[in-house]
Amino acid sequence: MALFTVNQVDKAFYRERLQDFLPEKILDVHTHVYLPDPDEYNSGRTVSWPSLVANANPIDDLDETARLMFPGKTYVPLMFGMPSEGGDMAKGNAYVSACSASRGYPALMLVRPDMTAAEVESGILEGGFSGIKVYLNLAPQYIPVNEIRIFDFLPHSHLEVCDRHGLTVMLHIPRPKRLRDPLNIAQLLEIENTYKNLHLIVAHVGRAYTQKDVGDAFEQLKDTRNMIFDFSANTNAWVFEQLIRAVGSSRIVFGSDLPITRMRMRRIERNGIYVNLVPRGLYGDVSDDPNMDELDPPESDQLTFFLYEEIEAMRQAALKTGLGQSDIERIFWSNAAHIFGLK
């Protein structure tokens, strides 16, 4: 049995909009590879809807997803575990490390902020990791979720390790104002100006999922040199257009956020927040989630994958900003391939 169904709507969407737009080789810098963990939980610091898609994503499932969703393309993922609270992080990192060794895919190590620099360094070197993945829900529990700062879960000692070895840091920024938050911008610039040898990837375009999430962030960040943005799990073509105009194609990389973006959906903006429209009943009861809503046939029958909607939004932004084939190749392959030593 197939991992999931690719229907005629999906095939037509890919063939008519994405197949010729995408380069022959794709490097996806944002994928989660993990096994079921009975001890994980969500304390409410992050949205819960991503867990509706898959409670596990072993390496074979990721490879099968790539085969189904990117026919005719060469696909390489950058992998890391699922940064859930309460889970066995060491076990998850060991699994990702083993997958990286067996497949030849690059990988990042999940880290907790209370780990010492020596623990981070030895874990990276012994596990063959290319850097670290940090997440806001791992910040100390006494900090209210809306007050979490970047350095509460990405301490300077960890940044120093990555800077010393020229490694990558994948950062999901915190705070309700997302990319436009002044403290987030100040701390992003502090990292930029202090640690010039590491590669900082700001995930999800700084969680700017709606126009109001941007503010004047791109004006303040446009002159940075080392900061890189992935557009994983984001479908806002307007945000992508502003990003391209600010930093060009050389500091944007493709990320999917698989397996979450296997979700069948379309994203809209409602009352200043993003809302995922999904087929009624497909993901259970979502009535209490402000970021979820449901559609009925025939409208729901036309929904395709979250991942396809994300790439289509980048295609629209590329058209608006006049990007050429070489720019697209950089975004979907060369920029990240250079960082991770791939050809």
C-alpha atoms as a PDB file:
ATOM      1  CA  MET A   1       0.000   0.000   0.000  1.00  0.00           C
ATOM      2  CA  ALA A   2       1.259   3.465  -0.911  1.00  0.00           C
ATOM      3  CA  LEU A   3       2.273   5.774   1.937  1.00  0.00           C
ATOM      4  CA  PHE A   4      -0.357   8.283   0.753  1.00  0.00           C
ATOM      5  CA  THR A   5      -2.421   8.883  -2.352  1.00  0.00           C
ATOM      6  CA  VAL A   6      -1.292  11.107  -5.190  1.00  0.00           C
ATOM      7  CA  ASN A   7      -4.510  11.801  -7.076  1.00  0.00           C
ATOM      8  CA  GLN A   8      -5.243  13.357 -10.455  1.00  0.00           C
ATOM      9  CA  VAL A   9      -5.517  16.862  -8.972  1.00  0.00           C
ATOM     10  CA  ASP A  10      -2.025  16.471  -7.485  1.00  0.00           C
ATOM     11  CA  LYS A  11      -0.539  15.070 -10.683  1.00  0.00           C
ATOM     12  CA  ALA A  12      -2.023  17.865 -12.780  1.00  0.00           C
ATOM     13  CA  PHE A  13      -0.846  20.529 -10.306  1.00  0.00           C
ATOM     14  CA  TYR A  14       2.704  19.163 -10.381  1.00  0.00           C
ATOM     15  CA  ARG A  15       2.801  18.668 -14.148  1.00  0.00           C
ATOM     16  CA  GLU A  16       1.294  22.021 -15.096  1.00  0.00           C
ATOM     17  CA  ARG A  17       2.889  24.308 -12.507  1.00  0.00           C
ATOM     18  CA  LEU A  18       5.886  22.778 -10.775  1.00  0.00           C
ATOM     19  CA  GLN A  19       7.652  20.189 -12.900  1.00  0.00           C
ATOM     20  CA  ASP A  20       9.303  22.590 -15.337  1.00  0.00           C
ATOM     21  CA  PHE A  21       9.811  25.269 -12.687  1.00  0.00           C
ATOM     22  CA  LEU A  22      11.840  22.988 -10.417  1.00  0.00           C
ATOM     23  CA  PRO A  23      15.461  22.201 -11.310  1.00  0.00           C
ATOM     24  CA  GLU A  24      16.565  18.627 -11.871  1.00  0.00           C
ATOM     25  CA  LYS A  25      18.229  18.460  -8.423  1.00  0.00           C
ATOM     26  CA  ILE A  26      16.501  19.554  -5.213  1.00  0.00           C
ATOM     27  CA  LEU A  27      18.118  19.988  -1.804  1.00  0.00           C
ATOM     28  CA  ASP A  28      15.503  20.240   0.925  1.00  0.00           C
ATOM     29  CA  VAL A  29      17.042  21.824   4.040  1.00  0.00           C
ATOM     30  CA  HIS A  30      14.120  21.232   6.403  1.00  0.00           C
ATOM     31  CA  THR A  31      12.934  17.656   6.954  1.00  0.00           C
ATOM     32  CA  HIS A  32      12.055  15.793  10.134  1.00  0.00           C
ATOM     33  CA  VAL A  33      13.028  12.124  10.408  1.00  0.00           C
ATOM     34  CA  TYR A  34      11.810  10.385  13.537  1.00  0.00           C
ATOM     35  CA  LEU A  35      10.274   7.253  15.010  1.00  0.00           C
ATOM     36  CA  PRO A  36       7.235   7.135  17.338  1.00  0.00           C
ATOM     37  CA  ASP A  37       8.073   8.289  20.859  1.00  0.00           C
ATOM     38  CA  PRO A  38       5.506   7.536  23.600  1.00  0.00           C
ATOM     39  CA  ASP A  39       7.041  10.104  25.951  1.00  0.00           C
ATOM     40  CA  GLU A  40       6.704  13.181  23.745  1.00  0.00           C
ATOM     41  CA  TYR A  41       4.062  15.810  24.503  1.00  0.00           C
ATOM     42  CA  ASN A  42       3.058  19.359  23.600  1.00  0.00           C
ATOM     43  CA  SER A  43       2.891  21.809  26.509  1.00  0.00           C
ATOM     44  CA  GLY A  44       1.070  24.408  24.410  1.00  0.00           C
ATOM     45  CA  ARG A  45       4.129  26.447  23.475  1.00  0.00           C
ATOM     46  CA  THR A  46       3.683  25.543  19.820  1.00  0.00           C
ATOM     47  CA  VAL A  47       0.730  24.830  17.532  1.00  0.00           C
ATOM     48  CA  SER A  48      -0.558  21.277  17.663  1.00  0.00           C
ATOM     49  CA  TRP A  49      -1.931  20.785  14.139  1.00  0.00           C
ATOM     50  CA  PRO A  50       1.338  19.482  12.575  1.00  0.00           C
ATOM     51  CA  SER A  51       1.009  16.312  14.654  1.00  0.00           C
ATOM     52  CA  LEU A  52      -2.191  15.459  12.757  1.00  0.00           C
ATOM     53  CA  VAL A  53      -0.232  14.540   9.631  1.00  0.00           C
ATOM     54  CA  ALA A  54       2.208  11.875  10.849  1.00  0.00           C
ATOM     55  CA  ASN A  55       3.219  10.522  14.242  1.00  0.00           C
ATOM     56  CA  ALA A  56       6.433   9.206  12.686  1.00  0.00           C
ATOM     57  CA  ASN A  57       8.549   9.776   9.603  1.00  0.00           C
ATOM     58  CA  PRO A  58      11.194   7.062   9.322  1.00  0.00           C
ATOM     59  CA  ILE A  59      13.794   7.431   6.603  1.00  0.00           C
ATOM     60  CA  ASP A  60      12.023   5.004   4.273  1.00  0.00           C
ATOM     61  CA  ASP A  61       8.885   7.147   4.480  1.00  0.00           C
ATOM     62  CA  LEU A  62      10.858  10.278   3.616  1.00  0.00           C
ATOM     63  CA  ASP A  63      12.402   8.576   0.590  1.00  0.00           C
ATOM     64  CA  GLU A  64       8.992   7.327  -0.521  1.00  0.00           C
ATOM     65  CA  THR A  65       7.498  10.808  -0.071  1.00  0.00           C
ATOM     66  CA  ALA A  66      10.189  12.255  -2.333  1.00  0.00           C
ATOM     67  CA  ARG A  67       9.533   9.572  -4.946  1.00  0.00           C
ATOM     68  CA  LEU A  68       5.808  10.264  -4.934  1.00  0.00           C
ATOM     69  CA  MET A  69       5.929  14.047  -4.771  1.00  0.00           C
ATOM     70  CA  PHE A  70       8.936  14.835  -6.977  1.00  0.00           C
ATOM     71  CA  PRO A  71       8.776  12.395  -9.889  1.00  0.00           C
ATOM     72  CA  GLY A  72      11.702  12.742 -12.256  1.00  0.00           C
ATOM     73  CA  LYS A  73      13.810  14.792  -9.836  1.00  0.00           C
ATOM     74  CA  THR A  74      16.900  14.027  -7.764  1.00  0.00           C
ATOM     75  CA  TYR A  75      16.024  14.823  -4.158  1.00  0.00           C
ATOM     76  CA  VAL A  76      18.395  15.176  -1.200  1.00  0.00           C
ATOM     77  CA  PRO A  77      17.132  16.108   2.287  1.00  0.00           C
ATOM     78  CA  LEU A  78      18.839  17.793   5.200  1.00  0.00           C
ATOM     79  CA  MET A  79      17.444  15.817   8.143  1.00  0.00           C
ATOM     80  CA  PHE A  80      16.859  16.336  11.834  1.00  0.00           C
ATOM     81  CA  GLY A  81      14.568  14.853  14.448  1.00  0.00           C
ATOM     82  CA  MET A  82      11.309  16.191  15.826  1.00  0.00           C
ATOM     83  CA  PRO A  83      12.000  18.718  18.599  1.00  0.00           C
ATOM     84  CA  SER A  84       9.217  17.591  20.907  1.00  0.00           C
ATOM     85  CA  GLU A  85       9.134  18.015  24.641  1.00  0.00           C
ATOM     86  CA  GLY A  86       9.643  14.957  26.808  1.00  0.00           C
ATOM     87  CA  GLY A  87      10.944  12.776  23.995  1.00  0.00           C
ATOM     88  CA  ASP A  88      14.193  10.853  23.975  1.00  0.00           C
ATOM     89  CA  MET A  89      16.377  13.350  22.121  1.00  0.00           C
ATOM     90  CA  ALA A  90      19.527  11.224  22.312  1.00  0.00           C
ATOM     91  CA  LYS A  91      17.727   8.281  20.738  1.00  0.00           C
ATOM     92  CA  GLY A  92      16.265  10.498  18.047  1.00  0.00           C
ATOM     93  CA  ASN A  93      19.649  12.006  17.222  1.00  0.00           C
ATOM     94  CA  ALA A  94      21.214   8.536  17.069  1.00  0.00           C
ATOM     95  CA  TYR A  95      18.554   7.458  14.568  1.00  0.00           C
ATOM     96  CA  VAL A  96      19.104  10.507  12.363  1.00  0.00           C
ATOM     97  CA  SER A  97      22.880  10.006  12.535  1.00  0.00           C
ATOM     98  CA  ALA A  98      22.500   6.380  11.438  1.00  0.00           C
ATOM     99  CA  CYS A  99      20.199   7.405   8.574  1.00  0.00           C
ATOM    100  CA  SER A 100      22.691  10.041   7.492  1.00  0.00           C
ATOM    101  CA  ALA A 101      25.511   7.506   7.441  1.00  0.00           C
ATOM    102  CA  SER A 102      23.503   4.935   5.494  1.00  0.00           C
ATOM    103  CA  ARG A 103      21.965   7.316   2.932  1.00  0.00           C
ATOM    104  CA  GLY A 104      24.665   9.955   2.646  1.00  0.00           C
ATOM    105  CA  TYR A 105      22.193  12.728   3.486  1.00  0.00           C
ATOM    106  CA  PRO A 106      23.403  15.651   5.623  1.00  0.00           C
ATOM    107  CA  ALA A 107      21.872  15.998   9.084  1.00  0.00           C
ATOM    108  CA  LEU A 108      21.589  18.377  12.022  1.00  0.00           C
ATOM    109  CA  MET A 109      21.654  17.480  15.712  1.00  0.00           C
ATOM    110  CA  LEU A 110      18.772  18.481  17.957  1.00  0.00           C
ATOM    111  CA  VAL A 111      20.069  20.234  21.070  1.00  0.00           C
ATOM    112  CA  ARG A 112      18.625  21.437  24.343  1.00  0.00           C
ATOM    113  CA  PRO A 113      19.777  24.805  25.697  1.00  0.00           C
ATOM    114  CA  ASP A 114      21.034  23.290  28.947  1.00  0.00           C
ATOM    115  CA  MET A 115      23.569  21.120  27.120  1.00  0.00           C
ATOM    116  CA  THR A 116      27.163  22.180  27.679  1.00  0.00           C
ATOM    117  CA  ALA A 117      29.309  23.348  24.803  1.00  0.00           C
ATOM    118  CA  ALA A 118      31.403  20.199  25.189  1.00  0.00           C
ATOM    119  CA  GLU A 119      28.309  18.003  24.923  1.00  0.00           C
ATOM    120  CA  VAL A 120      27.161  19.814  21.806  1.00  0.00           C
ATOM    121  CA  GLU A 121      30.578  19.665  20.199  1.00  0.00           C
ATOM    122  CA  SER A 122      31.168  15.988  20.905  1.00  0.00           C
ATOM    123  CA  GLY A 123      27.656  15.086  19.798  1.00  0.00           C
ATOM    124  CA  ILE A 124      28.111  16.878  16.493  1.00  0.00           C
ATOM    125  CA  LEU A 125      31.530  15.418  15.771  1.00  0.00           C
ATOM    126  CA  GLU A 126      30.740  11.860  16.867  1.00  0.00           C
ATOM    127  CA  GLY A 127      27.373  11.818  15.089  1.00  0.00           C
ATOM    128  CA  GLY A 128      28.663  13.249  11.823  1.00  0.00           C
ATOM    129  CA  PHE A 129      26.261  16.201  11.996  1.00  0.00           C
ATOM    130  CA  SER A 130      26.577  19.386   9.947  1.00  0.00           C
ATOM    131  CA  GLY A 131      25.263  21.615  12.722  1.00  0.00           C
ATOM    132  CA  ILE A 132      22.351  21.984  15.117  1.00  0.00           C
ATOM    133  CA  LYS A 133      18.589  22.427  15.140  1.00  0.00           C
ATOM    134  CA  VAL A 134      17.139  24.427  18.021  1.00  0.00           C
ATOM    135  CA  TYR A 135      13.543  25.083  18.977  1.00  0.00           C
ATOM    136  CA  LEU A 136      11.677  27.469  21.228  1.00  0.00           C
ATOM    137  CA  ASN A 137       9.665  24.802  23.071  1.00  0.00           C
ATOM    138  CA  LEU A 138      12.921  23.583  24.630  1.00  0.00           C
ATOM    139  CA  ALA A 139      13.520  26.894  26.427  1.00  0.00           C
ATOM    140  CA  PRO A 140      13.265  26.722  30.243  1.00  0.00           C
ATOM    141  CA  GLN A 141       9.694  26.056  31.324  1.00  0.00           C
ATOM    142  CA  TYR A 142       9.559  29.019  33.704  1.00  0.00           C
ATOM    143  CA  ILE A 143       9.688  31.460  30.764  1.00  0.00           C
ATOM    144  CA  PRO A 144       6.186  32.366  29.506  1.00  0.00           C
ATOM    145  CA  VAL A 145       5.826  31.328  25.865  1.00  0.00           C
ATOM    146  CA  ASN A 146       5.290  34.878  24.604  1.00  0.00           C
ATOM    147  CA  GLU A 147       8.455  36.075  26.353  1.00  0.00           C
ATOM    148  CA  ILE A 148      10.891  33.468  25.033  1.00  0.00           C
ATOM    149  CA  ARG A 149      13.944  35.014  23.413  1.00  0.00           C
ATOM    150  CA  ILE A 150      16.252  33.434  20.827  1.00  0.00           C
ATOM    151  CA  PHE A 151      19.128  33.175  23.281  1.00  0.00           C
ATOM    152  CA  ASP A 152      16.889  31.359  25.777  1.00  0.00           C
ATOM    153  CA  PHE A 153      17.041  28.264  23.564  1.00  0.00           C
ATOM    154  CA  LEU A 154      20.115  29.062  21.437  1.00  0.00           C
ATOM    155  CA  PRO A 155      22.799  30.038  23.969  1.00  0.00           C
ATOM    156  CA  HIS A 156      25.996  31.766  22.950  1.00  0.00           C
ATOM    157  CA  SER A 157      28.020  28.716  23.988  1.00  0.00           C
ATOM    158  CA  HIS A 158      26.294  26.648  21.269  1.00  0.00           C
ATOM    159  CA  LEU A 159      26.760  29.405  18.708  1.00  0.00           C
ATOM    160  CA  GLU A 160      30.458  29.523  19.555  1.00  0.00           C
ATOM    161  CA  VAL A 161      30.799  25.793  18.837  1.00  0.00           C
ATOM    162  CA  CYS A 162      29.093  26.137  15.460  1.00  0.00           C
ATOM    163  CA  ASP A 163      31.089  29.238  14.599  1.00  0.00           C
ATOM    164  CA  ARG A 164      34.374  27.559  15.460  1.00  0.00           C
ATOM    165  CA  HIS A 165      33.644  24.643  13.139  1.00  0.00           C
ATOM    166  CA  GLY A 166      31.825  26.571  10.388  1.00  0.00           C
ATOM    167  CA  LEU A 167      28.575  24.667  11.007  1.00  0.00           C
ATOM    168  CA  THR A 168      24.889  25.359  10.363  1.00  0.00           C
ATOM    169  CA  VAL A 169      22.268  26.548  12.855  1.00  0.00           C
ATOM    170  CA  MET A 170      18.617  26.013  11.919  1.00  0.00           C
ATOM    171  CA  LEU A 171      16.548  28.562  13.850  1.00  0.00           C
ATOM    172  CA  HIS A 172      12.772  28.732  14.338  1.00  0.00           C
ATOM    173  CA  ILE A 173      12.327  32.164  15.888  1.00  0.00           C
ATOM    174  CA  PRO A 174       9.933  32.744  18.835  1.00  0.00           C
ATOM    175  CA  ARG A 175       7.488  35.461  19.967  1.00  0.00           C
ATOM    176  CA  PRO A 176       3.965  36.393  18.798  1.00  0.00           C
ATOM    177  CA  LYS A 177       5.135  39.163  16.442  1.00  0.00           C
ATOM    178  CA  ARG A 178       7.365  36.683  14.648  1.00  0.00           C
ATOM    179  CA  LEU A 179       9.745  38.260  12.112  1.00  0.00           C
ATOM    180  CA  ARG A 180       8.712  41.837  12.886  1.00  0.00           C
ATOM    181  CA  ASP A 181       9.459  41.506  16.595  1.00  0.00           C
ATOM    182  CA  PRO A 182      12.147  44.097  17.503  1.00  0.00           C
ATOM    183  CA  LEU A 183      13.886  41.760  19.955  1.00  0.00           C
ATOM    184  CA  ASN A 184      14.016  38.967  17.385  1.00  0.00           C
ATOM    185  CA  ILE A 185      15.530  41.353  14.848  1.00  0.00           C
ATOM    186  CA  ALA A 186      18.075  42.641  17.378  1.00  0.00           C
ATOM    187  CA  GLN A 187      19.179  39.136  18.327  1.00  0.00           C
ATOM    188  CA  LEU A 188      19.320  37.980  14.697  1.00  0.00           C
ATOM    189  CA  LEU A 189      21.598  40.919  13.969  1.00  0.00           C
ATOM    190  CA  GLU A 190      23.695  40.105  17.032  1.00  0.00           C
ATOM    191  CA  ILE A 191      24.249  36.585  15.710  1.00  0.00           C
ATOM    192  CA  GLU A 192      25.048  37.991  12.261  1.00  0.00           C
ATOM    193  CA  ASN A 193      27.613  40.457  13.610  1.00  0.00           C
ATOM    194  CA  THR A 194      29.217  38.188  16.205  1.00  0.00           C
ATOM    195  CA  TYR A 195      29.415  34.756  14.570  1.00  0.00           C
ATOM    196  CA  LYS A 196      30.697  35.249  11.036  1.00  0.00           C
ATOM    197  CA  ASN A 197      31.805  31.681  10.354  1.00  0.00           C
ATOM    198  CA  LEU A 198      28.539  29.808  10.932  1.00  0.00           C
ATOM    199  CA  HIS A 199      25.584  29.443   8.575  1.00  0.00           C
ATOM    200  CA  LEU A 200      22.375  30.720  10.173  1.00  0.00           C
ATOM    201  CA  ILE A 201      19.215  29.480   8.464  1.00  0.00           C
ATOM    202  CA  VAL A 202      16.117  31.386   9.584  1.00  0.00           C
ATOM    203  CA  ALA A 203      13.329  28.850   9.116  1.00  0.00           C
ATOM    204  CA  HIS A 204       9.922  29.597   7.564  1.00  0.00           C
ATOM    205  CA  VAL A 205      11.056  33.123   6.507  1.00  0.00           C
ATOM    206  CA  GLY A 206      11.033  33.939  10.209  1.00  0.00           C
ATOM    207  CA  ARG A 207       7.508  32.522  10.603  1.00  0.00           C
ATOM    208  CA  ALA A 208       6.168  35.395   8.465  1.00  0.00           C
ATOM    209  CA  TYR A 209       3.092  33.500   7.325  1.00  0.00           C
ATOM    210  CA  THR A 210       0.944  36.617   6.854  1.00  0.00           C
ATOM    211  CA  GLN A 211       1.696  40.124   5.604  1.00  0.00           C
ATOM    212  CA  LYS A 212       1.417  41.622   9.081  1.00  0.00           C
ATOM    213  CA  ASP A 213       4.192  39.314  10.321  1.00  0.00           C
ATOM    214  CA  VAL A 214       6.773  41.192   8.233  1.00  0.00           C
ATOM    215  CA  GLY A 215       6.697  44.804   9.443  1.00  0.00           C
ATOM    216  CA  ASP A 216       9.993  46.492   8.531  1.00  0.00           C
ATOM    217  CA  ALA A 217      12.076  43.352   9.126  1.00  0.00           C
ATOM    218  CA  PHE A 218      13.386  43.062   5.581  1.00  0.00           C
ATOM    219  CA  GLU A 219      14.461  46.682   5.604  1.00  0.00           C
ATOM    220  CA  GLN A 220      16.511  45.986   8.734  1.00  0.00           C
ATOM    221  CA  LEU A 221      17.873  42.622   7.567  1.00  0.00           C
ATOM    222  CA  LYS A 222      18.511  43.299   3.886  1.00  0.00           C
ATOM    223  CA  ASP A 223      22.159  44.250   4.368  1.00  0.00           C
ATOM    224  CA  THR A 224      23.098  41.130   6.303  1.00  0.00           C
ATOM    225  CA  ARG A 225      25.580  38.817   4.605  1.00  0.00           C
ATOM    226  CA  ASN A 226      25.542  35.440   6.346  1.00  0.00           C
ATOM    227  CA  MET A 227      21.869  35.090   7.235  1.00  0.00           C
ATOM    228  CA  ILE A 228      19.945  32.596   5.074  1.00  0.00           C
ATOM    229  CA  PHE A 229      16.180  32.095   4.886  1.00  0.00           C
ATOM    230  CA  ASP A 230      14.268  28.910   4.174  1.00  0.00           C
ATOM    231  CA  PHE A 231      10.601  29.154   3.182  1.00  0.00           C
ATOM    232  CA  SER A 232       9.439  25.835   4.604  1.00  0.00           C
ATOM    233  CA  ALA A 233       5.756  25.440   5.550  1.00  0.00           C
ATOM    234  CA  ASN A 234       5.004  28.909   4.218  1.00  0.00           C
ATOM    235  CA  THR A 235       2.688  29.634   1.283  1.00  0.00           C
ATOM    236  CA  ASN A 236       2.647  33.425   1.254  1.00  0.00           C
ATOM    237  CA  ALA A 237       3.770  34.592  -2.207  1.00  0.00           C
ATOM    238  CA  TRP A 238       3.738  38.245  -1.106  1.00  0.00           C
ATOM    239  CA  VAL A 239       6.149  37.493   1.746  1.00  0.00           C
ATOM    240  CA  PHE A 240       8.393  35.567  -0.652  1.00  0.00           C
ATOM    241  CA  GLU A 241       8.376  38.502  -3.056  1.00  0.00           C
ATOM    242  CA  GLN A 242       9.525  40.878  -0.302  1.00  0.00           C
ATOM    243  CA  LEU A 243      12.213  38.388   0.740  1.00  0.00           C
ATOM    244  CA  ILE A 244      13.569  38.109  -2.803  1.00  0.00           C
ATOM    245  CA  ARG A 245      13.654  41.884  -3.219  1.00  0.00           C
ATOM    246  CA  ALA A 246      15.508  42.225   0.097  1.00  0.00           C
ATOM    247  CA  VAL A 247      18.191  39.525  -0.098  1.00  0.00           C
ATOM    248  CA  GLY A 248      18.139  38.203  -3.677  1.00  0.00           C
ATOM    249  CA  SER A 249      18.298  34.562  -4.687  1.00  0.00           C
ATOM    250  CA  SER A 250      21.697  33.833  -3.150  1.00  0.00           C
ATOM    251  CA  ARG A 251      20.448  33.701   0.468  1.00  0.00           C
ATOM    252  CA  ILE A 252      17.220  31.771   0.052  1.00  0.00           C
ATOM    253  CA  VAL A 253      17.029  27.981   0.331  1.00  0.00           C
ATOM    254  CA  PHE A 254      14.211  25.523  -0.181  1.00  0.00           C
ATOM    255  CA  GLY A 255      12.835  23.654   2.810  1.00  0.00           C
ATOM    256  CA  SER A 256       9.713  21.527   2.982  1.00  0.00           C
ATOM    257  CA  ASP A 257       9.093  20.734   6.668  1.00  0.00           C
ATOM    258  CA  LEU A 258       8.167  17.194   5.694  1.00  0.00           C
ATOM    259  CA  PRO A 259       6.259  15.211   6.767  1.00  0.00           C
ATOM    260  CA  ILE A 260       4.001  18.110   7.852  1.00  0.00           C
ATOM    261  CA  THR A 261       3.653  19.393   4.302  1.00  0.00           C
ATOM    262  CA  ARG A 262       2.118  16.137   3.135  1.00  0.00           C
ATOM    263  CA  MET A 263      -1.051  17.692   4.539  1.00  0.00           C
ATOM    264  CA  ARG A 264      -3.774  18.202   1.948  1.00  0.00           C
ATOM    265  CA  MET A 265      -4.738  21.842   2.331  1.00  0.00           C
ATOM    266  CA  ARG A 266      -4.851  25.425   1.164  1.00  0.00           C
ATOM    267  CA  ARG A 267      -3.792  28.280   3.444  1.00  0.00           C
ATOM    268  CA  ILE A 268      -5.660  31.571   3.783  1.00  0.00           C
ATOM    269  CA  GLU A 269      -5.361  34.594   6.049  1.00  0.00           C
ATOM    270  CA  ARG A 270      -8.278  35.322   8.375  1.00  0.00           C
ATOM    271  CA  ASN A 271      -8.406  37.967  11.103  1.00  0.00           C
ATOM    272  CA  GLY A 272      -4.667  38.439  10.879  1.00  0.00           C
ATOM    273  CA  ILE A 273      -3.679  34.783  11.310  1.00  0.00           C
ATOM    274  CA  TYR A 274      -3.082  31.931   8.907  1.00  0.00           C
ATOM    275  CA  VAL A 275      -5.736  29.244   8.574  1.00  0.00           C
ATOM    276  CA  ASN A 276      -5.219  25.838   6.950  1.00  0.00           C
ATOM    277  CA  LEU A 277      -8.280  24.714   5.005  1.00  0.00           C
ATOM    278  CA  VAL A 278      -8.465  20.914   4.908  1.00  0.00           C
ATOM    279  CA  PRO A 279     -11.020  18.313   3.753  1.00  0.00           C
ATOM    280  CA  ARG A 280     -13.686  17.858   6.387  1.00  0.00           C
ATOM    281  CA  GLY A 281     -12.907  14.980   8.714  1.00  0.00           C
ATOM    282  CA  LEU A 282      -9.587  14.044   7.108  1.00  0.00           C
ATOM    283  CA  TYR A 283      -7.566  15.101  10.159  1.00  0.00           C
ATOM    284  CA  GLY A 284     -10.138  14.448  12.859  1.00  0.00           C
ATOM    285  CA  ASP A 285     -11.820  17.134  14.942  1.00  0.00           C
ATOM    286  CA  VAL A 286     -10.075  20.475  14.318  1.00  0.00           C
ATOM    287  CA  SER A 287     -12.906  22.700  15.554  1.00  0.00           C
ATOM    288  CA  ASP A 288     -10.946  24.027  18.543  1.00  0.00           C
ATOM    289  CA  ASP A 289      -7.855  25.002  16.535  1.00  0.00           C
ATOM    290  CA  PRO A 290      -7.874  28.629  15.293  1.00  0.00           C
ATOM    291  CA  ASN A 291      -5.310  27.743  12.626  1.00  0.00           C
ATOM    292  CA  MET A 292      -7.522  25.057  11.080  1.00  0.00           C
ATOM    293  CA  ASP A 293     -10.820  25.005   9.189  1.00  0.00           C
ATOM    294  CA  GLU A 294     -12.568  22.540   6.902  1.00  0.00           C
ATOM    295  CA  LEU A 295     -13.981  22.456   3.392  1.00  0.00           C
ATOM    296  CA  ASP A 296     -16.620  20.217   1.843  1.00  0.00           C
ATOM    297  CA  PRO A 297     -16.856  18.775  -1.680  1.00  0.00           C
ATOM    298  CA  PRO A 298     -16.577  19.822  -4.410  1.00  0.00           C
ATOM    299  CA  GLU A 299     -14.191  22.519  -3.149  1.00  0.00           C
ATOM    300  CA  SER A 300     -12.269  20.139  -0.921  1.00  0.00           C
ATOM    301  CA  ASP A 301     -11.758  17.757  -3.845  1.00  0.00           C
ATOM    302  CA  GLN A 302      -9.497  20.349  -5.481  1.00  0.00           C
ATOM    303  CA  LEU A 303      -7.074  20.603  -2.558  1.00  0.00           C
ATOM    304  CA  THR A 304      -3.527  19.444  -3.159  1.00  0.00           C
ATOM    305  CA  PHE A 305      -0.498  19.075  -0.897  1.00  0.00           C
ATOM    306  CA  PHE A 306       0.758  21.794   1.418  1.00  0.00           C
ATOM    307  CA  LEU A 307       4.201  21.283  -0.142  1.00  0.00           C
ATOM    308  CA  TYR A 308       2.910  21.906  -3.657  1.00  0.00           C
ATOM    309  CA  GLU A 309       1.154  25.073  -2.479  1.00  0.00           C
ATOM    310  CA  GLU A 310       4.411  26.261  -0.902  1.00  0.00           C
ATOM    311  CA  ILE A 311       6.418  25.760  -4.079  1.00  0.00           C
ATOM    312  CA  GLU A 312       3.670  27.357  -6.187  1.00  0.00           C
ATOM    313  CA  ALA A 313       3.832  30.449  -3.960  1.00  0.00           C
ATOM    314  CA  MET A 314       7.578  30.683  -4.611  1.00  0.00           C
ATOM    315  CA  ARG A 315       6.948  30.255  -8.338  1.00  0.00           C
ATOM    316  CA  GLN A 316       4.507  33.174  -8.269  1.00  0.00           C
ATOM    317  CA  ALA A 317       6.998  35.311  -6.346  1.00  0.00           C
ATOM    318  CA  ALA A 318       9.750  34.377  -8.789  1.00  0.00           C
ATOM    319  CA  LEU A 319       7.591  35.523 -11.691  1.00  0.00           C
ATOM    320  CA  LYS A 320       6.778  38.808  -9.948  1.00  0.00           C
ATOM    321  CA  THR A 321      10.447  39.554  -9.251  1.00  0.00           C
ATOM    322  CA  GLY A 322      11.854  38.361 -12.567  1.00  0.00           C
ATOM    323  CA  LEU A 323      13.984  35.499 -11.277  1.00  0.00           C
ATOM    324  CA  GLY A 324      15.592  33.384 -13.971  1.00  0.00           C
ATOM    325  CA  GLN A 325      16.374  29.693 -14.221  1.00  0.00           C
ATOM    326  CA  SER A 326      19.784  30.153 -12.604  1.00  0.00           C
ATOM    327  CA  ASP A 327      18.156  31.872  -9.606  1.00  0.00           C
ATOM    328  CA  ILE A 328      15.717  28.990  -9.151  1.00  0.00           C
ATOM    329  CA  GLU A 329      18.549  26.480  -9.371  1.00  0.00           C
ATOM    330  CA  ARG A 330      20.380  28.374  -6.622  1.00  0.00           C
ATOM    331  CA  ILE A 331      17.336  28.442  -4.348  1.00  0.00           C
ATOM    332  CA  PHE A 332      16.479  24.773  -4.768  1.00  0.00           C
ATOM    333  CA  TRP A 333      19.992  23.329  -4.961  1.00  0.00           C
ATOM    334  CA  SER A 334      23.226  25.305  -5.226  1.00  0.00           C
ATOM    335  CA  ASN A 335      22.942  27.625  -2.216  1.00  0.00           C
ATOM    336  CA  ALA A 336      22.477  24.740   0.201  1.00  0.00           C
ATOM    337  CA  ALA A 337      24.710  22.340  -1.735  1.00  0.00           C
ATOM    338  CA  HIS A 338      27.604  24.755  -1.246  1.00  0.00           C
ATOM    339  CA  ILE A 339      26.999  24.849   2.517  1.00  0.00           C
ATOM    340  CA  PHE A 340      26.820  21.069   2.878  1.00  0.00           C
ATOM    341  CA  GLY A 341      29.544  20.163   0.389  1.00  0.00           C
ATOM    342  CA  LEU A 342      27.341  18.488  -2.203  1.00  0.00           C
ATOM    343  CA  LYS A 343      27.837  18.523  -5.977  1.00  0.00           C
END
